[in-house]
N, C-alpha and C. Protein backbone atom coordinates (compact mmCIF):
# COMPACT_ATOMS: atom_id res chain seq x y z
N UNK A 1 1.02 -0.92 0.08
CA UNK A 1 -0.05 0.05 0.13
C UNK A 1 1.02 1.06 0.23
N UNK A 2 1.94 1.32 0.99
CA UNK A 2 2.94 2.62 0.96
C UNK A 2 3.35 2.83 -0.26
N UNK A 3 3.94 1.34 -1.29
CA UNK A 3 4.88 1.30 -1.83
C UNK A 3 4.01 2.23 -3.36
N UNK A 4 2.67 1.88 -3.16
CA UNK A 4 1.53 2.11 -4.65
C UNK A 4 1.88 4.08 -4.21
N UNK A 5 1.60 4.39 -3.18
CA UNK A 5 1.21 6.06 -2.57
C UNK A 5 2.48 6.54 -2.99
N UNK A 6 3.44 5.75 -3.00
CA UNK A 6 4.93 6.38 -3.36
C UNK A 6 5.33 6.53 -5.21
N UNK A 7 4.77 4.84 -5.81
CA UNK A 7 4.74 5.61 -6.75
C UNK A 7 4.06 6.77 -7.22
N UNK A 8 2.31 6.80 -7.03
CA UNK A 8 1.54 7.88 -7.29
C UNK A 8 2.14 9.44 -6.96
N UNK A 9 3.01 9.18 -5.94
CA UNK A 9 3.40 10.71 -5.89
C UNK A 9 4.74 10.86 -6.63
N UNK A 10 5.48 9.90 -6.97
CA UNK A 10 6.24 10.22 -7.69
C UNK A 10 5.97 10.44 -9.09
N UNK A 11 5.05 10.03 -9.08
CA UNK A 11 4.35 9.91 -10.62
C UNK A 11 3.93 11.82 -11.00
N UNK A 12 2.92 11.91 -9.94
CA UNK A 12 2.80 13.12 -10.01
C UNK A 12 4.12 14.29 -9.81
N UNK A 13 4.83 13.67 -8.93
CA UNK A 13 5.99 15.22 -9.13
C UNK A 13 7.03 15.33 -10.70
N UNK A 14 7.20 13.97 -10.98
CA UNK A 14 7.60 13.96 -12.22
C UNK A 14 6.70 15.09 -13.32
N UNK A 15 5.40 14.81 -13.17
CA UNK A 15 4.42 15.54 -13.89
C UNK A 15 4.74 17.00 -13.92
N UNK A 16 4.40 17.12 -12.26
CA UNK A 16 4.74 18.41 -12.24
C UNK A 16 6.03 19.28 -12.22
N UNK A 17 7.68 18.38 -12.29
CA UNK A 17 8.38 18.83 -12.46
C UNK A 17 8.39 19.60 -14.08
N UNK A 18 7.90 18.15 -15.14
CA UNK A 18 8.08 18.72 -16.58
C UNK A 18 7.13 19.83 -16.80
N UNK A 19 5.83 20.00 -15.87
CA UNK A 19 5.38 20.94 -15.77
C UNK A 19 5.50 22.96 -15.74
N UNK A 20 6.23 22.53 -15.04
CA UNK A 20 7.13 23.71 -14.30
C UNK A 20 8.65 24.15 -14.97
N UNK A 21 9.09 23.27 -15.85
CA UNK A 21 9.90 23.43 -16.69
C UNK A 21 9.30 23.98 -17.68
N UNK A 22 8.10 23.56 -18.49
CA UNK A 22 7.87 24.23 -19.66
C UNK A 22 7.51 25.45 -19.52
N UNK A 23 6.92 25.95 -18.41
CA UNK A 23 6.47 27.06 -17.21
C UNK A 23 7.73 28.37 -17.37
N UNK A 24 9.32 27.72 -16.97
CA UNK A 24 10.16 28.35 -17.16
C UNK A 24 10.80 28.41 -18.46
N UNK A 25 10.75 27.41 -19.55
CA UNK A 25 10.85 27.84 -21.20
C UNK A 25 10.31 28.92 -21.68
N UNK A 26 9.33 28.85 -21.07
CA UNK A 26 7.67 30.08 -21.45
C UNK A 26 8.20 31.46 -21.22
N UNK A 27 8.75 31.40 -19.76
CA UNK A 27 9.40 32.45 -19.31
C UNK A 27 10.54 33.16 -19.35
N UNK A 28 11.44 32.00 -20.03
CA UNK A 28 12.95 32.59 -21.01
C UNK A 28 12.75 33.26 -22.06
N UNK A 29 11.45 32.50 -23.15
CA UNK A 29 11.24 32.90 -24.41
C UNK A 29 10.61 34.08 -24.26
N UNK A 30 9.62 34.40 -23.20
CA UNK A 30 9.10 35.82 -23.73
C UNK A 30 9.93 36.94 -23.72
N UNK A 31 11.10 37.28 -22.95
CA UNK A 31 11.34 38.56 -23.75
C UNK A 31 12.17 39.10 -24.54
N UNK A 32 12.42 37.44 -25.31
CA UNK A 32 13.40 37.68 -26.36
C UNK A 32 12.22 37.99 -27.18
N UNK A 33 10.68 37.06 -27.35
CA UNK A 33 9.53 37.77 -28.50
C UNK A 33 9.71 39.09 -28.19
N UNK A 34 9.38 39.68 -26.82
CA UNK A 34 9.71 41.04 -26.96
C UNK A 34 10.52 42.03 -27.35
N UNK A 35 12.11 41.60 -27.86
CA UNK A 35 12.65 42.25 -28.22
C UNK A 35 12.72 42.19 -29.91
N UNK A 36 12.50 40.94 -29.82
CA UNK A 36 11.91 41.02 -31.28
C UNK A 36 10.86 41.19 -31.82
N UNK A 37 9.73 41.99 -31.19
CA UNK A 37 8.66 42.71 -31.88
C UNK A 37 9.39 43.99 -32.09
N UNK A 38 10.02 44.94 -30.62
CA UNK A 38 10.39 45.75 -30.86
C UNK A 38 11.55 46.55 -31.99
N UNK A 39 12.18 45.32 -32.47
CA UNK A 39 13.12 45.73 -33.46
C UNK A 39 12.47 45.15 -34.98
N UNK A 40 11.20 44.80 -35.18
CA UNK A 40 10.79 44.84 -36.18
C UNK A 40 10.50 45.46 -37.09
N UNK A 41 10.81 47.20 -36.54
CA UNK A 41 10.87 48.02 -37.70
C UNK A 41 12.27 48.36 -37.89
N UNK A 42 13.23 47.85 -37.50
CA UNK A 42 14.31 47.72 -37.95
C UNK A 42 14.90 46.70 -39.10
N UNK A 43 15.94 47.74 -39.82
CA UNK A 43 17.05 46.47 -40.67
C UNK A 43 18.37 47.08 -40.67
N UNK A 44 19.36 45.66 -40.55
CA UNK A 44 20.82 46.43 -40.72
C UNK A 44 21.12 45.70 -42.05
N UNK A 45 22.01 46.87 -42.38
CA UNK A 45 22.45 46.84 -43.70
C UNK A 45 24.16 46.83 -43.68
N UNK A 46 24.54 45.48 -43.79
CA UNK A 46 26.39 44.99 -43.75
C UNK A 46 26.92 45.57 -44.96
N UNK A 47 27.78 45.78 -44.95
CA UNK A 47 28.85 45.57 -46.81
C UNK A 47 28.86 47.33 -47.33
N UNK A 48 28.58 47.95 -46.40
CA UNK A 48 28.79 49.53 -46.79
C UNK A 48 29.94 50.14 -46.33
N UNK A 49 31.06 51.09 -47.38
CA UNK A 49 31.95 51.17 -46.86
C UNK A 49 31.85 52.84 -46.09
N UNK A 50 33.21 51.92 -44.55
CA UNK A 50 32.50 53.08 -43.42
C UNK A 50 33.96 54.04 -43.06
N UNK A 51 34.76 54.24 -44.64
CA UNK A 51 36.15 54.60 -43.92
C UNK A 51 36.10 56.07 -43.96
N UNK A 52 34.56 56.99 -44.37
CA UNK A 52 34.58 58.25 -44.63
C UNK A 52 34.55 58.83 -42.92
N UNK A 53 35.12 58.98 -42.00
CA UNK A 53 34.78 59.57 -40.96
C UNK A 53 34.08 60.75 -40.96
N UNK A 54 33.82 61.27 -41.97
CA UNK A 54 32.70 62.64 -41.75
C UNK A 54 31.31 62.00 -42.48
N UNK A 55 31.21 60.74 -42.65
CA UNK A 55 29.91 60.21 -43.40
C UNK A 55 28.61 60.93 -42.71
N UNK A 56 27.65 60.95 -43.62
CA UNK A 56 26.31 61.54 -43.32
C UNK A 56 25.67 59.84 -43.66
N UNK A 57 25.39 59.26 -42.46
CA UNK A 57 24.51 58.50 -42.34
C UNK A 57 23.27 57.97 -42.85
N UNK A 58 22.07 58.93 -42.99
CA UNK A 58 21.21 59.07 -43.38
C UNK A 58 21.60 59.26 -45.26
N UNK A 59 22.39 60.28 -45.61
CA UNK A 59 22.22 60.58 -46.34
C UNK A 59 22.51 58.87 -47.56
N UNK A 60 24.04 58.62 -47.16
CA UNK A 60 24.37 56.69 -47.29
C UNK A 60 23.32 55.86 -47.56
N UNK A 61 22.35 55.98 -46.66
CA UNK A 61 21.13 55.02 -46.36
C UNK A 61 20.09 55.66 -47.55
N UNK A 62 19.64 56.89 -47.72
CA UNK A 62 18.91 57.44 -48.34
C UNK A 62 19.48 56.51 -50.13
N UNK A 63 20.53 57.19 -50.39
CA UNK A 63 21.38 56.51 -51.70
C UNK A 63 21.27 55.51 -51.92
N UNK A 64 21.47 54.21 -50.87
CA UNK A 64 21.25 52.79 -50.66
C UNK A 64 19.99 52.65 -51.45
N UNK A 65 19.04 53.63 -50.75
CA UNK A 65 17.46 53.29 -51.19
C UNK A 65 17.29 53.51 -52.59
N UNK A 66 17.27 54.68 -52.88
CA UNK A 66 17.46 54.90 -54.02
C UNK A 66 18.15 54.30 -55.30
N UNK A 67 19.21 54.66 -55.22
CA UNK A 67 20.05 53.50 -56.03
C UNK A 67 20.23 52.26 -56.32
N UNK A 68 20.26 51.25 -55.26
CA UNK A 68 20.40 49.94 -55.09
C UNK A 68 19.41 49.62 -55.26
N UNK A 69 18.54 49.95 -53.97
CA UNK A 69 17.16 48.74 -53.33
C UNK A 69 15.85 49.11 -54.04
N UNK A 70 15.44 50.53 -53.92
CA UNK A 70 14.29 50.49 -54.63
C UNK A 70 13.89 51.08 -55.95
N UNK A 71 15.14 51.90 -56.04
CA UNK A 71 15.37 52.34 -57.44
C UNK A 71 14.17 53.54 -58.14
N UNK A 72 13.98 53.93 -57.25
CA UNK A 72 13.00 55.39 -57.32
C UNK A 72 12.88 56.07 -56.72
N UNK A 73 13.74 57.15 -56.69
CA UNK A 73 13.91 58.51 -56.19
C UNK A 73 12.90 58.99 -55.07
N UNK A 74 11.87 58.92 -56.01
CA UNK A 74 10.58 59.90 -55.16
C UNK A 74 10.36 59.27 -53.94
N UNK A 75 9.90 57.34 -54.08
CA UNK A 75 10.11 56.56 -53.16
C UNK A 75 10.72 56.88 -52.53
N UNK A 76 12.17 56.85 -52.79
CA UNK A 76 12.71 56.37 -51.64
C UNK A 76 13.28 57.75 -50.62
N UNK A 77 12.98 58.89 -51.50
CA UNK A 77 13.07 60.15 -50.53
C UNK A 77 12.16 60.19 -49.65
N UNK A 78 11.45 59.79 -50.05
CA UNK A 78 9.85 60.23 -49.20
C UNK A 78 9.49 59.35 -47.94
N UNK A 79 10.39 58.01 -48.08
CA UNK A 79 10.32 57.15 -47.09
C UNK A 79 10.67 58.01 -45.61
N UNK A 80 9.65 58.12 -44.44
CA UNK A 80 10.37 58.36 -43.37
C UNK A 80 11.41 57.35 -42.45
N UNK A 81 12.46 58.06 -42.37
CA UNK A 81 13.29 57.15 -41.44
C UNK A 81 13.23 58.00 -39.70
N UNK A 82 12.97 57.17 -38.92
CA UNK A 82 13.21 57.13 -37.51
C UNK A 82 14.10 57.69 -37.12
N UNK A 83 15.43 56.72 -37.31
CA UNK A 83 16.34 56.43 -36.99
C UNK A 83 17.75 55.77 -38.17
N UNK A 84 18.97 56.56 -37.83
CA UNK A 84 19.96 55.42 -38.76
C UNK A 84 21.14 55.71 -38.55
N UNK A 85 21.91 54.66 -38.01
CA UNK A 85 23.32 54.96 -37.52
C UNK A 85 24.17 53.75 -37.41
N UNK A 86 25.58 53.82 -37.46
CA UNK A 86 26.20 52.80 -37.60
C UNK A 86 26.29 52.14 -35.80
N UNK A 87 26.47 50.75 -36.13
CA UNK A 87 26.57 50.36 -34.76
C UNK A 87 27.78 49.64 -34.60
N UNK A 88 28.22 49.60 -32.98
CA UNK A 88 29.75 49.40 -32.97
C UNK A 88 29.74 48.00 -32.84
N UNK A 89 31.05 47.56 -33.84
CA UNK A 89 31.06 46.14 -33.43
C UNK A 89 31.99 45.52 -32.88
N UNK A 90 32.66 44.58 -32.58
CA UNK A 90 33.74 43.74 -32.01
C UNK A 90 34.70 43.48 -32.95
N UNK A 91 36.13 43.62 -33.03
CA UNK A 91 36.93 43.38 -34.22
C UNK A 91 36.62 44.32 -34.84
N UNK A 92 37.75 43.58 -36.09
CA UNK A 92 37.41 44.63 -37.23
C UNK A 92 36.82 44.20 -38.20
N UNK A 93 36.66 45.54 -39.34
CA UNK A 93 35.83 45.21 -40.46
C UNK A 93 34.70 46.09 -40.39
N UNK A 94 34.02 46.47 -41.34
CA UNK A 94 33.12 47.55 -41.61
C UNK A 94 31.95 47.23 -40.86
N UNK A 95 31.18 48.30 -40.09
CA UNK A 95 30.48 48.26 -39.62
C UNK A 95 28.87 48.36 -40.03
N UNK A 96 28.34 47.72 -39.23
CA UNK A 96 27.06 47.88 -40.25
C UNK A 96 25.97 48.96 -39.83
N UNK A 97 25.31 49.60 -40.61
CA UNK A 97 23.97 50.29 -40.78
C UNK A 97 22.85 50.09 -40.04
N UNK A 98 22.34 50.59 -38.82
CA UNK A 98 21.17 50.31 -38.32
C UNK A 98 19.96 50.98 -38.65
N UNK A 99 19.01 50.82 -39.53
CA UNK A 99 17.91 52.20 -39.93
C UNK A 99 16.66 51.40 -39.12
N UNK A 100 16.02 52.57 -38.97
CA UNK A 100 14.84 51.77 -37.88
C UNK A 100 13.77 53.00 -38.85
N UNK A 101 12.59 52.53 -39.40
CA UNK A 101 11.60 52.77 -40.06
C UNK A 101 10.58 53.38 -39.30
N UNK A 102 9.74 54.69 -39.85
CA UNK A 102 8.53 54.74 -39.01
C UNK A 102 7.40 53.90 -39.33
N UNK A 103 7.43 52.99 -40.98
CA UNK A 103 6.48 52.43 -40.86
C UNK A 103 6.87 51.37 -41.45
N UNK A 104 5.85 50.47 -40.50
CA UNK A 104 6.21 48.73 -40.81
C UNK A 104 6.32 48.10 -42.67
N UNK A 105 5.29 48.97 -43.26
CA UNK A 105 4.90 48.78 -44.60
C UNK A 105 6.02 49.30 -45.25
N UNK A 106 6.81 49.97 -45.10
CA UNK A 106 8.45 50.33 -46.00
C UNK A 106 9.28 49.48 -45.43
N UNK A 107 9.38 49.22 -43.98
CA UNK A 107 10.65 47.68 -43.77
C UNK A 107 10.32 47.05 -44.90
N UNK A 108 9.09 46.71 -44.74
CA UNK A 108 9.12 45.47 -45.53
C UNK A 108 9.12 45.76 -47.08
N UNK A 109 8.43 46.52 -47.55
CA UNK A 109 9.00 47.03 -49.02
C UNK A 109 10.84 46.87 -49.36
N UNK A 110 11.41 47.77 -48.62
CA UNK A 110 12.99 47.63 -48.72
C UNK A 110 13.42 46.06 -48.49
N UNK A 111 13.01 45.35 -47.27
CA UNK A 111 13.59 43.92 -47.65
C UNK A 111 12.90 43.45 -48.71
N UNK A 112 11.59 43.56 -49.44
CA UNK A 112 11.46 42.75 -50.45
C UNK A 112 12.14 43.02 -51.79
N UNK A 113 12.71 44.27 -51.54
CA UNK A 113 13.98 44.69 -52.90
C UNK A 113 15.00 43.97 -52.70
N UNK A 114 15.35 43.50 -51.69
CA UNK A 114 16.36 42.88 -50.84
C UNK A 114 17.80 42.12 -52.38
N UNK A 115 16.52 41.50 -53.58
CA UNK A 115 17.17 41.05 -54.34
C UNK A 115 17.97 41.44 -55.28
N UNK A 116 17.41 42.99 -55.53
CA UNK A 116 18.06 43.96 -56.26
C UNK A 116 19.32 44.43 -55.76
N UNK A 117 19.93 43.65 -54.69
CA UNK A 117 21.46 43.92 -54.30
C UNK A 117 22.17 42.36 -54.67
N UNK A 118 21.49 41.57 -55.10
CA UNK A 118 22.56 40.20 -55.86
C UNK A 118 23.74 41.07 -56.32
N UNK A 119 24.58 40.08 -56.15
CA UNK A 119 26.01 40.38 -57.19
C UNK A 119 26.81 41.56 -56.53
N UNK A 120 26.45 42.38 -55.10
CA UNK A 120 26.72 43.11 -54.78
C UNK A 120 27.13 42.45 -52.97
N UNK A 121 28.13 43.63 -52.30
CA UNK A 121 29.31 42.83 -51.48
C UNK A 121 27.84 43.17 -50.27
N UNK A 122 26.68 43.93 -50.38
CA UNK A 122 25.86 44.67 -49.38
C UNK A 122 24.71 43.50 -49.16
N UNK A 123 24.32 43.26 -47.80
CA UNK A 123 23.45 42.30 -46.86
C UNK A 123 22.67 42.97 -46.57
N UNK A 124 21.57 42.53 -46.73
CA UNK A 124 20.54 43.43 -45.59
C UNK A 124 19.77 42.49 -44.95
N UNK A 125 19.29 42.52 -43.91
CA UNK A 125 19.01 41.27 -42.65
C UNK A 125 18.28 42.30 -41.76
N UNK A 126 16.67 41.67 -40.98
CA UNK A 126 16.19 41.62 -40.05
C UNK A 126 17.11 42.24 -39.38
N UNK A 127 17.05 43.12 -38.57
CA UNK A 127 17.79 43.04 -36.76
C UNK A 127 17.04 42.13 -35.64
N UNK A 128 17.59 41.50 -35.03
CA UNK A 128 16.85 40.47 -34.20
C UNK A 128 17.46 40.59 -33.07
N UNK A 129 17.07 39.79 -32.02
CA UNK A 129 17.64 40.15 -30.50
C UNK A 129 18.75 39.01 -30.82
N UNK A 130 19.91 39.41 -29.56
CA UNK A 130 21.29 38.71 -29.54
C UNK A 130 21.35 37.18 -29.74
N UNK A 131 20.38 36.96 -29.11
CA UNK A 131 20.40 35.34 -29.01
C UNK A 131 19.79 34.75 -30.24
N UNK A 132 19.07 35.62 -30.97
CA UNK A 132 18.95 35.07 -32.33
C UNK A 132 20.10 35.64 -33.59
N UNK A 133 20.12 36.41 -33.44
CA UNK A 133 21.06 36.54 -34.22
C UNK A 133 22.10 35.30 -34.38
N UNK A 134 22.73 35.29 -32.88
CA UNK A 134 23.80 34.35 -33.07
C UNK A 134 23.51 32.93 -33.20
N UNK A 135 22.31 32.55 -33.74
CA UNK A 135 21.97 31.49 -33.80
C UNK A 135 21.60 31.48 -35.46
N UNK A 136 21.09 32.88 -36.13
CA UNK A 136 21.70 33.12 -37.35
C UNK A 136 22.50 32.81 -38.02
N UNK A 137 23.66 33.27 -37.37
CA UNK A 137 25.48 33.12 -37.56
C UNK A 137 25.84 31.84 -37.38
N UNK A 138 25.12 30.85 -36.93
CA UNK A 138 25.60 29.53 -36.59
C UNK A 138 24.64 28.45 -38.08
N UNK A 139 23.76 28.63 -38.30
CA UNK A 139 23.04 28.55 -39.15
C UNK A 139 23.51 28.91 -40.48
N UNK A 140 23.82 30.51 -40.57
CA UNK A 140 24.64 30.76 -41.64
C UNK A 140 25.69 29.69 -42.46
N UNK A 141 26.19 29.41 -41.82
CA UNK A 141 27.78 28.43 -41.84
C UNK A 141 27.09 27.13 -42.57
N UNK A 142 26.24 26.52 -41.77
CA UNK A 142 25.77 25.34 -42.01
C UNK A 142 24.84 25.62 -43.28
N UNK A 143 24.09 26.60 -43.83
CA UNK A 143 23.64 26.47 -45.19
C UNK A 143 24.39 26.90 -46.05
N UNK A 144 25.64 27.86 -45.69
CA UNK A 144 26.65 27.57 -46.64
C UNK A 144 27.35 26.13 -47.17
N UNK A 145 27.60 25.48 -46.31
CA UNK A 145 28.22 24.33 -46.51
C UNK A 145 26.73 22.92 -47.31
N UNK A 146 25.67 22.81 -47.00
CA UNK A 146 24.53 22.24 -47.54
C UNK A 146 24.53 22.77 -48.95
N UNK A 147 24.99 24.23 -49.79
CA UNK A 147 23.97 24.68 -50.69
C UNK A 147 25.71 24.03 -51.80
N UNK A 148 26.97 23.93 -51.40
CA UNK A 148 27.33 23.71 -52.03
C UNK A 148 27.71 22.34 -51.89
N UNK A 149 27.46 21.81 -50.61
CA UNK A 149 26.98 19.92 -50.74
C UNK A 149 26.56 19.18 -51.92
N UNK A 150 25.46 19.82 -51.48
CA UNK A 150 23.85 18.99 -51.84
C UNK A 150 23.44 19.91 -53.13
N UNK A 151 24.07 20.82 -54.06
CA UNK A 151 23.00 21.88 -54.51
C UNK A 151 21.95 21.95 -54.66
N UNK A 152 21.51 22.74 -53.12
CA UNK A 152 20.19 22.97 -52.97
C UNK A 152 20.41 24.47 -52.64
N UNK A 153 18.56 25.05 -52.53
CA UNK A 153 18.34 26.48 -52.14
C UNK A 153 18.33 26.26 -50.42
N UNK A 154 18.87 27.55 -49.72
CA UNK A 154 18.57 27.80 -48.56
C UNK A 154 18.08 28.57 -48.23
N UNK A 155 17.27 28.34 -46.88
CA UNK A 155 16.51 30.14 -46.29
C UNK A 155 16.83 29.76 -44.66
N UNK A 156 16.77 30.58 -44.01
CA UNK A 156 17.31 30.97 -42.80
C UNK A 156 16.01 31.94 -42.17
N UNK A 157 15.08 31.00 -41.35
CA UNK A 157 13.97 31.65 -40.95
C UNK A 157 13.95 31.84 -39.59
N UNK A 158 13.24 33.13 -38.95
CA UNK A 158 13.17 33.09 -37.22
C UNK A 158 11.34 32.77 -36.94
N UNK A 159 11.32 31.53 -36.48
CA UNK A 159 10.05 31.28 -35.79
C UNK A 159 10.22 31.25 -34.66
N UNK A 160 9.03 32.26 -34.25
CA UNK A 160 9.29 32.34 -32.45
C UNK A 160 10.27 32.82 -32.19
N UNK A 161 11.13 32.24 -31.26
CA UNK A 161 12.06 32.96 -30.14
C UNK A 161 12.90 32.27 -31.47
N UNK A 162 13.11 30.93 -32.38
CA UNK A 162 14.02 30.42 -32.82
C UNK A 162 14.18 30.35 -34.40
N UNK A 163 15.56 30.16 -34.74
CA UNK A 163 16.10 30.17 -36.19
C UNK A 163 15.92 29.01 -36.49
N UNK A 164 15.49 28.57 -37.88
CA UNK A 164 15.18 27.82 -38.33
C UNK A 164 15.89 27.68 -40.10
N UNK A 165 16.84 26.49 -40.36
CA UNK A 165 17.34 26.12 -41.92
C UNK A 165 16.63 25.75 -42.76
N UNK A 166 16.09 26.03 -43.28
CA UNK A 166 14.98 25.25 -44.54
C UNK A 166 16.17 25.31 -45.37
N UNK A 167 15.46 23.92 -46.80
CA UNK A 167 15.96 23.89 -47.87
C UNK A 167 15.25 23.16 -49.09
N UNK A 168 15.56 23.37 -50.34
CA UNK A 168 14.80 22.80 -51.16
C UNK A 168 15.22 22.75 -52.41
N UNK A 169 15.40 21.84 -53.51
CA UNK A 169 15.97 21.72 -54.61
C UNK A 169 16.15 22.94 -55.55
N UNK A 170 14.72 23.04 -55.90
CA UNK A 170 14.46 24.02 -56.81
C UNK A 170 13.40 25.02 -56.42
N UNK A 171 12.70 25.94 -57.16
CA UNK A 171 11.37 27.04 -56.78
C UNK A 171 10.41 26.14 -56.92
N UNK A 172 10.64 24.65 -57.31
CA UNK A 172 9.15 24.26 -58.06
C UNK A 172 8.90 23.09 -56.23
N UNK A 173 9.77 23.05 -55.30
CA UNK A 173 9.49 22.21 -54.59
C UNK A 173 8.88 23.23 -53.42
N UNK A 174 8.39 22.69 -52.40
CA UNK A 174 8.34 23.50 -50.88
C UNK A 174 9.31 22.95 -50.07
N UNK A 175 9.39 24.09 -49.28
CA UNK A 175 10.84 24.32 -48.28
C UNK A 175 10.39 23.30 -47.20
N UNK A 176 11.50 22.42 -46.69
CA UNK A 176 11.37 21.49 -45.78
C UNK A 176 12.48 22.07 -44.77
N UNK A 177 12.17 21.68 -43.73
CA UNK A 177 12.90 22.00 -42.67
C UNK A 177 14.13 21.10 -42.18
N UNK A 178 15.78 21.48 -42.44
CA UNK A 178 16.56 21.04 -42.33
C UNK A 178 16.96 20.36 -41.02
N UNK A 179 17.33 18.98 -40.88
CA UNK A 179 17.71 18.03 -39.81
C UNK A 179 18.66 18.60 -39.01
């Protein structure tokens, strides 16, 4: 009888432990999701020369929007920017430009035109929390190796507070999660 009670109590404790662990994981994820939401109006521009100490970052950003991305001077100049500045980095190399848009639709339009940067050294990325940036960085190395080895297309997506790598053979196929 005592053994049965002990087994019931142990089962109950194990279930509670699993439930508490799930709650802890959810609480750890919540601040990341809030930070991701705060950064959704931001984009990061990598690969833009920063050798000029007198650079006007707003003018540099507008020029990139006008000449490389949107290719529409009127739209590029009328797009309101809340802020644009260089982000300090560890080590050497060009500092990226962080651009904060006033309207989410403008940010989405610019991101949708990123294919116009193909063949240049300029990269355009969503601004994400640090932990997600680190995950994206690690997955980008795997994506490069997979593209070379398996001759597939890859993409890295943010789903919730996690980054995922997806692959497909060609544009006719659906994306599948890389394991």
